[in-house]
Structures are given as structure tokens and as C-alpha cells.
Amino acid sequence: MQDLIGFLSELHATGRDLYLHQQAIDTSTPSGRAMFQMLGVFAEFERGMIRERVNAGLARARANGVKLGRPTVAPKVEQRVRELRAKGMGLIKIGREVGVGTGTVQRIVAAAQ
């Protein structure tokens, strides 16, 4: 909401107004500014409702024992990554040989240091 008000203030500071043809909103009029701000309030409300639903779904999944996040890498794979890195092999080659992504290789190497 603050961003919308700031945007509207910036427009007015430059001597301009916003006219949205399809929505029939003209910020040069008091009713147009009010409608623009009300739409912002409803958008913020909807965003909050979506956030609540997502958090409730995550909490319900955790309560049901669902493990969230990326799957862990087997300890054997981590050990192999460390061995290959110690031999001086590059991150991309290690990832290809072990069968994991380069991001996973980077995470394992960084944790080992």
C-alpha cells in the first residue's frame, strides 16, 4: 500500500496523473484516487490471505509428518564429493560424475571448509 501511495505521490510531484482506461480509474479526480487506493488495500488484503493459507498448509503438512525441503544427499555421495575435490577436480566434473547438481557440490565443499 505504501508503494502505491509513493508511486501516486511521485506522479503528482511531476505534474502527472494516472489514467487506466480499462478500469476507468483517473487519479486526477478525488474519486479516482480513492478507487486506486481501495484497489491497493484489497490487493494487500489478498496477499495477506494467500500468505496465511500457505503457512497453514505448511503447518498442516509438518503436523502430518511430511518432510519439507530438498532431499538430503547420501553420506557416501558427500564423502565422494570431498574426495574428488581434494584431488583437485572441478565442481562441474564432480557433479557430473557423482550425479548431483553443482549447487549441491558447492554446498558440500563449503561445509567441509
PDB file of N, CA and C in Angstrom:
ATOM      1  N   MET A   1       0.831  -1.185   0.000  1.00  0.00           N
ATOM      2  CA  MET A   1       0.000   0.000   0.000  1.00  0.00           C
ATOM      3  C   MET A   1       0.878   1.253   0.000  1.00  0.00           C
ATOM      4  N   GLN A   2       1.951   1.201   0.786  1.00  0.00           N
ATOM      5  CA  GLN A   2       2.848   2.360   0.848  1.00  0.00           C
ATOM      6  C   GLN A   2       3.496   2.611  -0.510  1.00  0.00           C
ATOM      7  N   ASP A   3       3.778   1.529  -1.223  1.00  0.00           N
ATOM      8  CA  ASP A   3       4.376   1.683  -2.550  1.00  0.00           C
ATOM      9  C   ASP A   3       3.412   2.358  -3.519  1.00  0.00           C
ATOM     10  N   LEU A   4       2.140   1.995  -3.441  1.00  0.00           N
ATOM     11  CA  LEU A   4       1.145   2.629  -4.323  1.00  0.00           C
ATOM     12  C   LEU A   4       1.015   4.123  -4.021  1.00  0.00           C
ATOM     13  N   ILE A   5       0.971   4.458  -2.745  1.00  0.00           N
ATOM     14  CA  ILE A   5       0.851   5.871  -2.358  1.00  0.00           C
ATOM     15  C   ILE A   5       2.104   6.627  -2.782  1.00  0.00           C
ATOM     16  N   GLY A   6       3.272   5.990  -2.606  1.00  0.00           N
ATOM     17  CA  GLY A   6       4.518   6.619  -3.037  1.00  0.00           C
ATOM     18  C   GLY A   6       4.551   6.835  -4.537  1.00  0.00           C
ATOM     19  N   PHE A   7       4.081   5.828  -5.285  1.00  0.00           N
ATOM     20  CA  PHE A   7       4.026   5.940  -6.742  1.00  0.00           C
ATOM     21  C   PHE A   7       3.102   7.077  -7.155  1.00  0.00           C
ATOM     22  N   LEU A   8       1.953   7.150  -6.523  1.00  0.00           N
ATOM     23  CA  LEU A   8       0.991   8.213  -6.827  1.00  0.00           C
ATOM     24  C   LEU A   8       1.567   9.583  -6.481  1.00  0.00           C
ATOM     25  N   SER A   9       2.285   9.671  -5.365  1.00  0.00           N
ATOM     26  CA  SER A   9       2.907  10.938  -4.969  1.00  0.00           C
ATOM     27  C   SER A   9       3.979  11.353  -5.967  1.00  0.00           C
ATOM     28  N   GLU A  10       4.765  10.387  -6.441  1.00  0.00           N
ATOM     29  CA  GLU A  10       5.789  10.701  -7.443  1.00  0.00           C
ATOM     30  C   GLU A  10       5.162  11.219  -8.726  1.00  0.00           C
ATOM     31  N   LEU A  11       4.056  10.605  -9.126  1.00  0.00           N
ATOM     32  CA  LEU A  11       3.363  11.083 -10.328  1.00  0.00           C
ATOM     33  C   LEU A  11       2.874  12.516 -10.155  1.00  0.00           C
ATOM     34  N   HIS A  12       2.260  12.779  -8.996  1.00  0.00           N
ATOM     35  CA  HIS A  12       1.729  14.131  -8.759  1.00  0.00           C
ATOM     36  C   HIS A  12       2.858  15.153  -8.642  1.00  0.00           C
ATOM     37  N   ALA A  13       4.011  14.756  -8.106  1.00  0.00           N
ATOM     38  CA  ALA A  13       5.145  15.667  -7.972  1.00  0.00           C
ATOM     39  C   ALA A  13       5.671  16.097  -9.340  1.00  0.00           C
ATOM     40  N   THR A  14       5.527  15.233 -10.334  1.00  0.00           N
ATOM     41  CA  THR A  14       5.984  15.592 -11.680  1.00  0.00           C
ATOM     42  C   THR A  14       4.878  16.246 -12.498  1.00  0.00           C
ATOM     43  N   GLY A  15       3.714  16.448 -11.868  1.00  0.00           N
ATOM     44  CA  GLY A  15       2.614  17.099 -12.562  1.00  0.00           C
ATOM     45  C   GLY A  15       1.830  16.165 -13.468  1.00  0.00           C
ATOM     46  N   ARG A  16       1.887  14.883 -13.167  1.00  0.00           N
ATOM     47  CA  ARG A  16       1.178  13.896 -13.986  1.00  0.00           C
ATOM     48  C   ARG A  16       0.142  13.150 -13.160  1.00  0.00           C
ATOM     49  N   ASP A  17      -0.810  12.579 -13.863  1.00  0.00           N
ATOM     50  CA  ASP A  17      -1.823  11.734 -13.240  1.00  0.00           C
ATOM     51  C   ASP A  17      -1.855  10.413 -13.979  1.00  0.00           C
ATOM     52  N   LEU A  18      -2.490   9.431 -13.363  1.00  0.00           N
ATOM     53  CA  LEU A  18      -2.588   8.107 -13.948  1.00  0.00           C
ATOM     54  C   LEU A  18      -4.021   7.885 -14.416  1.00  0.00           C
ATOM     55  N   TYR A  19      -4.159   7.418 -15.640  1.00  0.00           N
ATOM     56  CA  TYR A  19      -5.475   7.081 -16.170  1.00  0.00           C
ATOM     57  C   TYR A  19      -5.431   5.657 -16.685  1.00  0.00           C
ATOM     58  N   LEU A  20      -6.234   4.793 -16.082  1.00  0.00           N
ATOM     59  CA  LEU A  20      -6.319   3.399 -16.501  1.00  0.00           C
ATOM     60  C   LEU A  20      -7.626   3.237 -17.264  1.00  0.00           C
ATOM     61  N   HIS A  21      -7.520   3.109 -18.572  1.00  0.00           N
ATOM     62  CA  HIS A  21      -8.692   3.115 -19.438  1.00  0.00           C
ATOM     63  C   HIS A  21      -9.629   1.935 -19.161  1.00  0.00           C
ATOM     64  N   GLN A  22      -9.095   0.703 -19.125  1.00  0.00           N
ATOM     65  CA  GLN A  22      -9.956  -0.470 -18.961  1.00  0.00           C
ATOM     66  C   GLN A  22     -10.635  -0.508 -17.601  1.00  0.00           C
ATOM     67  N   GLN A  23      -9.962   0.010 -16.562  1.00  0.00           N
ATOM     68  CA  GLN A  23     -10.554   0.005 -15.229  1.00  0.00           C
ATOM     69  C   GLN A  23     -11.318   1.300 -14.930  1.00  0.00           C
ATOM     70  N   ALA A  24     -11.254   2.263 -15.834  1.00  0.00           N
ATOM     71  CA  ALA A  24     -11.924   3.554 -15.684  1.00  0.00           C
ATOM     72  C   ALA A  24     -11.508   4.260 -14.399  1.00  0.00           C
ATOM     73  N   ILE A  25     -10.204   4.286 -14.142  1.00  0.00           N
ATOM     74  CA  ILE A  25      -9.661   4.969 -12.966  1.00  0.00           C
ATOM     75  C   ILE A  25      -8.835   6.145 -13.450  1.00  0.00           C
ATOM     76  N   ASP A  26      -9.158   7.324 -12.929  1.00  0.00           N
ATOM     77  CA  ASP A  26      -8.444   8.551 -13.272  1.00  0.00           C
ATOM     78  C   ASP A  26      -7.995   9.198 -11.971  1.00  0.00           C
ATOM     79  N   THR A  27      -6.687   9.205 -11.717  1.00  0.00           N
ATOM     80  CA  THR A  27      -6.189   9.717 -10.436  1.00  0.00           C
ATOM     81  C   THR A  27      -6.161  11.238 -10.370  1.00  0.00           C
ATOM     82  N   SER A  28      -6.624  11.904 -11.406  1.00  0.00           N
ATOM     83  CA  SER A  28      -6.701  13.361 -11.331  1.00  0.00           C
ATOM     84  C   SER A  28      -7.947  13.799 -10.564  1.00  0.00           C
ATOM     85  N   THR A  29      -8.859  12.872 -10.308  1.00  0.00           N
ATOM     86  CA  THR A  29     -10.076  13.180  -9.555  1.00  0.00           C
ATOM     87  C   THR A  29     -10.009  12.532  -8.174  1.00  0.00           C
ATOM     88  N   PRO A  30     -10.673  13.113  -7.193  1.00  0.00           N
ATOM     89  CA  PRO A  30     -10.677  12.513  -5.850  1.00  0.00           C
ATOM     90  C   PRO A  30     -11.260  11.095  -5.839  1.00  0.00           C
ATOM     91  N   SER A  31     -12.318  10.875  -6.616  1.00  0.00           N
ATOM     92  CA  SER A  31     -12.905   9.534  -6.643  1.00  0.00           C
ATOM     93  C   SER A  31     -11.958   8.531  -7.301  1.00  0.00           C
ATOM     94  N   GLY A  32     -11.220   8.957  -8.302  1.00  0.00           N
ATOM     95  CA  GLY A  32     -10.246   8.084  -8.959  1.00  0.00           C
ATOM     96  C   GLY A  32      -9.106   7.721  -8.016  1.00  0.00           C
ATOM     97  N   ARG A  33      -8.622   8.720  -7.246  1.00  0.00           N
ATOM     98  CA  ARG A  33      -7.567   8.434  -6.264  1.00  0.00           C
ATOM     99  C   ARG A  33      -8.077   7.476  -5.191  1.00  0.00           C
ATOM    100  N   ALA A  34      -9.316   7.686  -4.746  1.00  0.00           N
ATOM    101  CA  ALA A  34      -9.892   6.805  -3.719  1.00  0.00           C
ATOM    102  C   ALA A  34     -10.018   5.383  -4.241  1.00  0.00           C
ATOM    103  N   MET A  35     -10.486   5.225  -5.471  1.00  0.00           N
ATOM    104  CA  MET A  35     -10.633   3.890  -6.052  1.00  0.00           C
ATOM    105  C   MET A  35      -9.270   3.217  -6.200  1.00  0.00           C
ATOM    106  N   PHE A  36      -8.266   3.979  -6.651  1.00  0.00           N
ATOM    107  CA  PHE A  36      -6.912   3.441  -6.799  1.00  0.00           C
ATOM    108  C   PHE A  36      -6.389   2.946  -5.457  1.00  0.00           C
ATOM    109  N   GLN A  37      -6.601   3.711  -4.405  1.00  0.00           N
ATOM    110  CA  GLN A  37      -6.130   3.319  -3.079  1.00  0.00           C
ATOM    111  C   GLN A  37      -6.925   2.133  -2.528  1.00  0.00           C
ATOM    112  N   MET A  38      -8.228   2.079  -2.811  1.00  0.00           N
ATOM    113  CA  MET A  38      -9.023   0.932  -2.362  1.00  0.00           C
ATOM    114  C   MET A  38      -8.564  -0.355  -3.043  1.00  0.00           C
ATOM    115  N   LEU A  39      -8.248  -0.263  -4.328  1.00  0.00           N
ATOM    116  CA  LEU A  39      -7.731  -1.436  -5.023  1.00  0.00           C
ATOM    117  C   LEU A  39      -6.419  -1.898  -4.389  1.00  0.00           C
ATOM    118  N   GLY A  40      -5.612  -0.952  -3.973  1.00  0.00           N
ATOM    119  CA  GLY A  40      -4.369  -1.287  -3.286  1.00  0.00           C
ATOM    120  C   GLY A  40      -4.623  -1.983  -1.957  1.00  0.00           C
ATOM    121  N   VAL A  41      -5.622  -1.515  -1.233  1.00  0.00           N
ATOM    122  CA  VAL A  41      -5.980  -2.140   0.048  1.00  0.00           C
ATOM    123  C   VAL A  41      -6.452  -3.570  -0.178  1.00  0.00           C
ATOM    124  N   PHE A  42      -7.292  -3.779  -1.182  1.00  0.00           N
ATOM    125  CA  PHE A  42      -7.782  -5.127  -1.460  1.00  0.00           C
ATOM    126  C   PHE A  42      -6.654  -6.046  -1.931  1.00  0.00           C
ATOM    127  N   ALA A  43      -5.724  -5.510  -2.701  1.00  0.00           N
ATOM    128  CA  ALA A  43      -4.584  -6.313  -3.154  1.00  0.00           C
ATOM    129  C   ALA A  43      -3.720  -6.728  -1.966  1.00  0.00           C
ATOM    130  N   GLU A  44      -3.504  -5.797  -1.043  1.00  0.00           N
ATOM    131  CA  GLU A  44      -2.722  -6.109   0.159  1.00  0.00           C
ATOM    132  C   GLU A  44      -3.441  -7.142   1.023  1.00  0.00           C
ATOM    133  N   PHE A  45      -4.762  -7.013   1.135  1.00  0.00           N
ATOM    134  CA  PHE A  45      -5.562  -7.976   1.890  1.00  0.00           C
ATOM    135  C   PHE A  45      -5.447  -9.365   1.267  1.00  0.00           C
ATOM    136  N   GLU A  46      -5.568  -9.450  -0.045  1.00  0.00           N
ATOM    137  CA  GLU A  46      -5.484 -10.738  -0.739  1.00  0.00           C
ATOM    138  C   GLU A  46      -4.104 -11.363  -0.550  1.00  0.00           C
ATOM    139  N   ARG A  47      -3.075 -10.540  -0.599  1.00  0.00           N
ATOM    140  CA  ARG A  47      -1.712 -11.038  -0.395  1.00  0.00           C
ATOM    141  C   ARG A  47      -1.565 -11.623   1.011  1.00  0.00           C
ATOM    142  N   GLY A  48      -2.133 -10.953   1.993  1.00  0.00           N
ATOM    143  CA  GLY A  48      -2.094 -11.465   3.360  1.00  0.00           C
ATOM    144  C   GLY A  48      -2.852 -12.771   3.507  1.00  0.00           C
ATOM    145  N   MET A  49      -3.999 -12.881   2.838  1.00  0.00           N
ATOM    146  CA  MET A  49      -4.784 -14.117   2.902  1.00  0.00           C
ATOM    147  C   MET A  49      -4.018 -15.281   2.253  1.00  0.00           C
ATOM    148  N   ILE A  50      -3.368 -15.015   1.138  1.00  0.00           N
ATOM    149  CA  ILE A  50      -2.582 -16.057   0.471  1.00  0.00           C
ATOM    150  C   ILE A  50      -1.459 -16.517   1.390  1.00  0.00           C
ATOM    151  N   ARG A  51      -0.788 -15.563   2.033  1.00  0.00           N
ATOM    152  CA  ARG A  51       0.303 -15.911   2.941  1.00  0.00           C
ATOM    153  C   ARG A  51      -0.209 -16.786   4.083  1.00  0.00           C
ATOM    154  N   GLU A  52      -1.357 -16.435   4.655  1.00  0.00           N
ATOM    155  CA  GLU A  52      -1.930 -17.235   5.743  1.00  0.00           C
ATOM    156  C   GLU A  52      -2.264 -18.644   5.281  1.00  0.00           C
ATOM    157  N   ARG A  53      -2.847 -18.775   4.091  1.00  0.00           N
ATOM    158  CA  ARG A  53      -3.196 -20.107   3.578  1.00  0.00           C
ATOM    159  C   ARG A  53      -1.956 -20.960   3.335  1.00  0.00           C
ATOM    160  N   VAL A  54      -0.919 -20.349   2.800  1.00  0.00           N
ATOM    161  CA  VAL A  54       0.318 -21.086   2.548  1.00  0.00           C
ATOM    162  C   VAL A  54       0.926 -21.548   3.872  1.00  0.00           C
ATOM    163  N   ASN A  55       1.005 -20.654   4.836  1.00  0.00           N
ATOM    164  CA  ASN A  55       1.572 -21.016   6.137  1.00  0.00           C
ATOM    165  C   ASN A  55       0.741 -22.084   6.835  1.00  0.00           C
ATOM    166  N   ALA A  56      -0.588 -22.006   6.717  1.00  0.00           N
ATOM    167  CA  ALA A  56      -1.447 -23.033   7.321  1.00  0.00           C
ATOM    168  C   ALA A  56      -1.218 -24.381   6.640  1.00  0.00           C
ATOM    169  N   GLY A  57      -1.064 -24.382   5.334  1.00  0.00           N
ATOM    170  CA  GLY A  57      -0.793 -25.621   4.608  1.00  0.00           C
ATOM    171  C   GLY A  57       0.542 -26.223   4.996  1.00  0.00           C
ATOM    172  N   LEU A  58       1.569 -25.386   5.158  1.00  0.00           N
ATOM    173  CA  LEU A  58       2.874 -25.875   5.586  1.00  0.00           C
ATOM    174  C   LEU A  58       2.804 -26.448   6.999  1.00  0.00           C
ATOM    175  N   ALA A  59       2.092 -25.763   7.885  1.00  0.00           N
ATOM    176  CA  ALA A  59       1.948 -26.256   9.261  1.00  0.00           C
ATOM    177  C   ALA A  59       1.203 -27.589   9.287  1.00  0.00           C
ATOM    178  N   ARG A  60       0.167 -27.712   8.471  1.00  0.00           N
ATOM    179  CA  ARG A  60      -0.596 -28.967   8.408  1.00  0.00           C
ATOM    180  C   ARG A  60       0.289 -30.098   7.870  1.00  0.00           C
ATOM    181  N   ALA A  61       1.103 -29.802   6.869  1.00  0.00           N
ATOM    182  CA  ALA A  61       1.995 -30.814   6.314  1.00  0.00           C
ATOM    183  C   ALA A  61       3.017 -31.253   7.361  1.00  0.00           C
ATOM    184  N   ARG A  62       3.574 -30.290   8.102  1.00  0.00           N
ATOM    185  CA  ARG A  62       4.532 -30.643   9.153  1.00  0.00           C
ATOM    186  C   ARG A  62       3.860 -31.493  10.228  1.00  0.00           C
ATOM    187  N   ALA A  63       2.635 -31.138  10.589  1.00  0.00           N
ATOM    188  CA  ALA A  63       1.906 -31.896  11.612  1.00  0.00           C
ATOM    189  C   ALA A  63       1.628 -33.322  11.154  1.00  0.00           C
ATOM    190  N   ASN A  64       1.480 -33.520   9.850  1.00  0.00           N
ATOM    191  CA  ASN A  64       1.246 -34.858   9.302  1.00  0.00           C
ATOM    192  C   ASN A  64       2.543 -35.620   9.050  1.00  0.00           C
ATOM    193  N   GLY A  65       3.674 -35.016   9.428  1.00  0.00           N
ATOM    194  CA  GLY A  65       4.952 -35.701   9.297  1.00  0.00           C
ATOM    195  C   GLY A  65       5.609 -35.593   7.943  1.00  0.00           C
ATOM    196  N   VAL A  66       5.128 -34.708   7.094  1.00  0.00           N
ATOM    197  CA  VAL A  66       5.743 -34.531   5.773  1.00  0.00           C
ATOM    198  C   VAL A  66       7.057 -33.774   5.943  1.00  0.00           C
ATOM    199  N   LYS A  67       8.110 -34.297   5.357  1.00  0.00           N
ATOM    200  CA  LYS A  67       9.399 -33.636   5.426  1.00  0.00           C
ATOM    201  C   LYS A  67       9.469 -32.613   4.303  1.00  0.00           C
ATOM    202  N   LEU A  68       9.679 -31.364   4.666  1.00  0.00           N
ATOM    203  CA  LEU A  68       9.713 -30.282   3.684  1.00  0.00           C
ATOM    204  C   LEU A  68      11.146 -29.982   3.277  1.00  0.00           C
ATOM    205  N   GLY A  69      11.313 -29.426   2.107  1.00  0.00           N
ATOM    206  CA  GLY A  69      12.625 -29.026   1.627  1.00  0.00           C
ATOM    207  C   GLY A  69      13.197 -30.040   0.654  1.00  0.00           C
ATOM    208  N   ARG A  70      14.396 -29.754   0.250  1.00  0.00           N
ATOM    209  CA  ARG A  70      15.067 -30.625  -0.708  1.00  0.00           C
ATOM    210  C   ARG A  70      15.505 -31.912  -0.036  1.00  0.00           C
ATOM    211  N   PRO A  71      15.546 -33.000  -0.789  1.00  0.00           N
ATOM    212  CA  PRO A  71      16.018 -34.256  -0.208  1.00  0.00           C
ATOM    213  C   PRO A  71      17.511 -34.167   0.131  1.00  0.00           C
ATOM    214  N   THR A  72      17.893 -34.879   1.171  1.00  0.00           N
ATOM    215  CA  THR A  72      19.298 -34.864   1.568  1.00  0.00           C
ATOM    216  C   THR A  72      20.108 -35.787   0.662  1.00  0.00           C
ATOM    217  N   VAL A  73      21.391 -35.534   0.633  1.00  0.00           N
ATOM    218  CA  VAL A  73      22.309 -36.329  -0.173  1.00  0.00           C
ATOM    219  C   VAL A  73      22.879 -37.427   0.724  1.00  0.00           C
ATOM    220  N   ALA A  74      23.039 -38.597   0.179  1.00  0.00           N
ATOM    221  CA  ALA A  74      23.572 -39.726   0.949  1.00  0.00           C
ATOM    222  C   ALA A  74      24.984 -39.410   1.444  1.00  0.00           C
ATOM    223  N   PRO A  75      25.332 -39.881   2.643  1.00  0.00           N
ATOM    224  CA  PRO A  75      26.681 -39.626   3.174  1.00  0.00           C
ATOM    225  C   PRO A  75      27.792 -40.146   2.262  1.00  0.00           C
ATOM    226  N   LYS A  76      27.542 -41.251   1.558  1.00  0.00           N
ATOM    227  CA  LYS A  76      28.547 -41.780   0.632  1.00  0.00           C
ATOM    228  C   LYS A  76      28.815 -40.790  -0.495  1.00  0.00           C
ATOM    229  N   VAL A  77      27.753 -40.160  -0.972  1.00  0.00           N
ATOM    230  CA  VAL A  77      27.898 -39.178  -2.060  1.00  0.00           C
ATOM    231  C   VAL A  77      28.681 -37.974  -1.556  1.00  0.00           C
ATOM    232  N   GLU A  78      28.366 -37.510  -0.353  1.00  0.00           N
ATOM    233  CA  GLU A  78      29.100 -36.367   0.207  1.00  0.00           C
ATOM    234  C   GLU A  78      30.579 -36.695   0.353  1.00  0.00           C
ATOM    235  N   GLN A  79      30.862 -37.881   0.839  1.00  0.00           N
ATOM    236  CA  GLN A  79      32.255 -38.290   1.009  1.00  0.00           C
ATOM    237  C   GLN A  79      32.969 -38.345  -0.337  1.00  0.00           C
ATOM    238  N   ARG A  80      32.306 -38.866  -1.350  1.00  0.00           N
ATOM    239  CA  ARG A  80      32.897 -38.952  -2.694  1.00  0.00           C
ATOM    240  C   ARG A  80      33.177 -37.557  -3.255  1.00  0.00           C
ATOM    241  N   VAL A  81      32.254 -36.624  -3.007  1.00  0.00           N
ATOM    242  CA  VAL A  81      32.459 -35.244  -3.468  1.00  0.00           C
ATOM    243  C   VAL A  81      33.693 -34.657  -2.803  1.00  0.00           C
ATOM    244  N   ARG A  82      33.834 -34.865  -1.501  1.00  0.00           N
ATOM    245  CA  ARG A  82      35.003 -34.339  -0.785  1.00  0.00           C
ATOM    246  C   ARG A  82      36.299 -34.956  -1.316  1.00  0.00           C
ATOM    247  N   GLU A  83      36.267 -36.250  -1.585  1.00  0.00           N
ATOM    248  CA  GLU A  83      37.461 -36.929  -2.109  1.00  0.00           C
ATOM    249  C   GLU A  83      37.861 -36.372  -3.469  1.00  0.00           C
ATOM    250  N   LEU A  84      36.886 -36.218  -4.358  1.00  0.00           N
ATOM    251  CA  LEU A  84      37.182 -35.709  -5.697  1.00  0.00           C
ATOM    252  C   LEU A  84      37.674 -34.269  -5.646  1.00  0.00           C
ATOM    253  N   ARG A  85      37.106 -33.489  -4.757  1.00  0.00           N
ATOM    254  CA  ARG A  85      37.540 -32.098  -4.628  1.00  0.00           C
ATOM    255  C   ARG A  85      38.953 -32.026  -4.078  1.00  0.00           C
ATOM    256  N   ALA A  86      39.265 -32.923  -3.145  1.00  0.00           N
ATOM    257  CA  ALA A  86      40.622 -32.955  -2.580  1.00  0.00           C
ATOM    258  C   ALA A  86      41.643 -33.314  -3.656  1.00  0.00           C
ATOM    259  N   LYS A  87      41.234 -34.080  -4.645  1.00  0.00           N
ATOM    260  CA  LYS A  87      42.126 -34.435  -5.756  1.00  0.00           C
ATOM    261  C   LYS A  87      42.268 -33.299  -6.757  1.00  0.00           C
ATOM    262  N   GLY A  88      41.479 -32.222  -6.577  1.00  0.00           N
ATOM    263  CA  GLY A  88      41.594 -31.057  -7.452  1.00  0.00           C
ATOM    264  C   GLY A  88      40.621 -31.039  -8.609  1.00  0.00           C
ATOM    265  N   MET A  89      39.645 -31.924  -8.603  1.00  0.00           N
ATOM    266  CA  MET A  89      38.667 -31.957  -9.694  1.00  0.00           C
ATOM    267  C   MET A  89      37.729 -30.760  -9.573  1.00  0.00           C
ATOM    268  N   GLY A  90      37.272 -30.240 -10.692  1.00  0.00           N
ATOM    269  CA  GLY A  90      36.380 -29.091 -10.725  1.00  0.00           C
ATOM    270  C   GLY A  90      34.969 -29.437 -10.282  1.00  0.00           C
ATOM    271  N   LEU A  91      34.221 -28.406  -9.905  1.00  0.00           N
ATOM    272  CA  LEU A  91      32.870 -28.593  -9.372  1.00  0.00           C
ATOM    273  C   LEU A  91      31.919 -29.220 -10.387  1.00  0.00           C
ATOM    274  N   ILE A  92      31.982 -28.777 -11.612  1.00  0.00           N
ATOM    275  CA  ILE A  92      31.073 -29.299 -12.638  1.00  0.00           C
ATOM    276  C   ILE A  92      31.370 -30.770 -12.923  1.00  0.00           C
ATOM    277  N   LYS A  93      32.658 -31.105 -13.021  1.00  0.00           N
ATOM    278  CA  LYS A  93      33.025 -32.504 -13.269  1.00  0.00           C
ATOM    279  C   LYS A  93      32.605 -33.397 -12.102  1.00  0.00           C
ATOM    280  N   ILE A  94      32.774 -32.886 -10.893  1.00  0.00           N
ATOM    281  CA  ILE A  94      32.366 -33.667  -9.721  1.00  0.00           C
ATOM    282  C   ILE A  94      30.871 -33.926  -9.775  1.00  0.00           C
ATOM    283  N   GLY A  95      30.114 -32.900 -10.061  1.00  0.00           N
ATOM    284  CA  GLY A  95      28.663 -33.042 -10.130  1.00  0.00           C
ATOM    285  C   GLY A  95      28.240 -34.065 -11.162  1.00  0.00           C
ATOM    286  N   ARG A  96      28.874 -34.027 -12.319  1.00  0.00           N
ATOM    287  CA  ARG A  96      28.535 -34.990 -13.381  1.00  0.00           C
ATOM    288  C   ARG A  96      28.890 -36.420 -12.985  1.00  0.00           C
ATOM    289  N   GLU A  97      30.054 -36.566 -12.378  1.00  0.00           N
ATOM    290  CA  GLU A  97      30.499 -37.913 -12.020  1.00  0.00           C
ATOM    291  C   GLU A  97      29.655 -38.519 -10.901  1.00  0.00           C
ATOM    292  N   VAL A  98      29.308 -37.700  -9.929  1.00  0.00           N
ATOM    293  CA  VAL A  98      28.568 -38.205  -8.770  1.00  0.00           C
ATOM    294  C   VAL A  98      27.062 -38.239  -9.047  1.00  0.00           C
ATOM    295  N   GLY A  99      26.616 -37.392  -9.957  1.00  0.00           N
ATOM    296  CA  GLY A  99      25.193 -37.373 -10.300  1.00  0.00           C
ATOM    297  C   GLY A  99      24.363 -36.401  -9.492  1.00  0.00           C
ATOM    298  N   VAL A 100      24.995 -35.296  -9.073  1.00  0.00           N
ATOM    299  CA  VAL A 100      24.267 -34.250  -8.354  1.00  0.00           C
ATOM    300  C   VAL A 100      24.539 -32.919  -9.040  1.00  0.00           C
ATOM    301  N   GLY A 101      23.773 -31.906  -8.671  1.00  0.00           N
ATOM    302  CA  GLY A 101      23.949 -30.588  -9.258  1.00  0.00           C
ATOM    303  C   GLY A 101      25.167 -29.874  -8.707  1.00  0.00           C
ATOM    304  N   THR A 102      25.615 -28.862  -9.428  1.00  0.00           N
ATOM    305  CA  THR A 102      26.794 -28.123  -8.982  1.00  0.00           C
ATOM    306  C   THR A 102      26.517 -27.350  -7.698  1.00  0.00           C
ATOM    307  N   GLY A 103      25.278 -26.930  -7.501  1.00  0.00           N
ATOM    308  CA  GLY A 103      24.928 -26.248  -6.255  1.00  0.00           C
ATOM    309  C   GLY A 103      25.108 -27.165  -5.055  1.00  0.00           C
ATOM    310  N   THR A 104      24.738 -28.421  -5.215  1.00  0.00           N
ATOM    311  CA  THR A 104      24.919 -29.402  -4.144  1.00  0.00           C
ATOM    312  C   THR A 104      26.401 -29.610  -3.878  1.00  0.00           C
ATOM    313  N   VAL A 105      27.188 -29.689  -4.939  1.00  0.00           N
ATOM    314  CA  VAL A 105      28.636 -29.845  -4.787  1.00  0.00           C
ATOM    315  C   VAL A 105      29.208 -28.639  -4.046  1.00  0.00           C
ATOM    316  N   GLN A 106      28.791 -27.452  -4.415  1.00  0.00           N
ATOM    317  CA  GLN A 106      29.283 -26.245  -3.751  1.00  0.00           C
ATOM    318  C   GLN A 106      28.932 -26.239  -2.275  1.00  0.00           C
ATOM    319  N   ARG A 107      27.713 -26.643  -1.954  1.00  0.00           N
ATOM    320  CA  ARG A 107      27.281 -26.682  -0.554  1.00  0.00           C
ATOM    321  C   ARG A 107      28.129 -27.660   0.251  1.00  0.00           C
ATOM    322  N   ILE A 108      28.388 -28.843  -0.322  1.00  0.00           N
ATOM    323  CA  ILE A 108      29.180 -29.862   0.373  1.00  0.00           C
ATOM    324  C   ILE A 108      30.616 -29.386   0.575  1.00  0.00           C
ATOM    325  N   VAL A 109      31.197 -28.784  -0.457  1.00  0.00           N
ATOM    326  CA  VAL A 109      32.580 -28.294  -0.384  1.00  0.00           C
ATOM    327  C   VAL A 109      32.677 -27.160   0.648  1.00  0.00           C
ATOM    328  N   ALA A 110      31.694 -26.259   0.638  1.00  0.00           N
ATOM    329  CA  ALA A 110      31.734 -25.136   1.583  1.00  0.00           C
ATOM    330  C   ALA A 110      31.579 -25.622   3.018  1.00  0.00           C
ATOM    331  N   ALA A 111      30.759 -26.647   3.237  1.00  0.00           N
ATOM    332  CA  ALA A 111      30.572 -27.172   4.584  1.00  0.00           C
ATOM    333  C   ALA A 111      31.833 -27.878   5.071  1.00  0.00           C
ATOM    334  N   ALA A 112      32.625 -28.414   4.158  1.00  0.00           N
ATOM    335  CA  ALA A 112      33.839 -29.138   4.529  1.00  0.00           C
ATOM    336  C   ALA A 112      34.955 -28.183   4.927  1.00  0.00           C
ATOM    337  N   GLN A 113      34.889 -26.932   4.515  1.00  0.00           N
ATOM    338  CA  GLN A 113      35.952 -25.969   4.798  1.00  0.00           C
ATOM    339  C   GLN A 113      35.808 -25.319   6.131  1.00  0.00           C
TER     340      GLN A 113
END
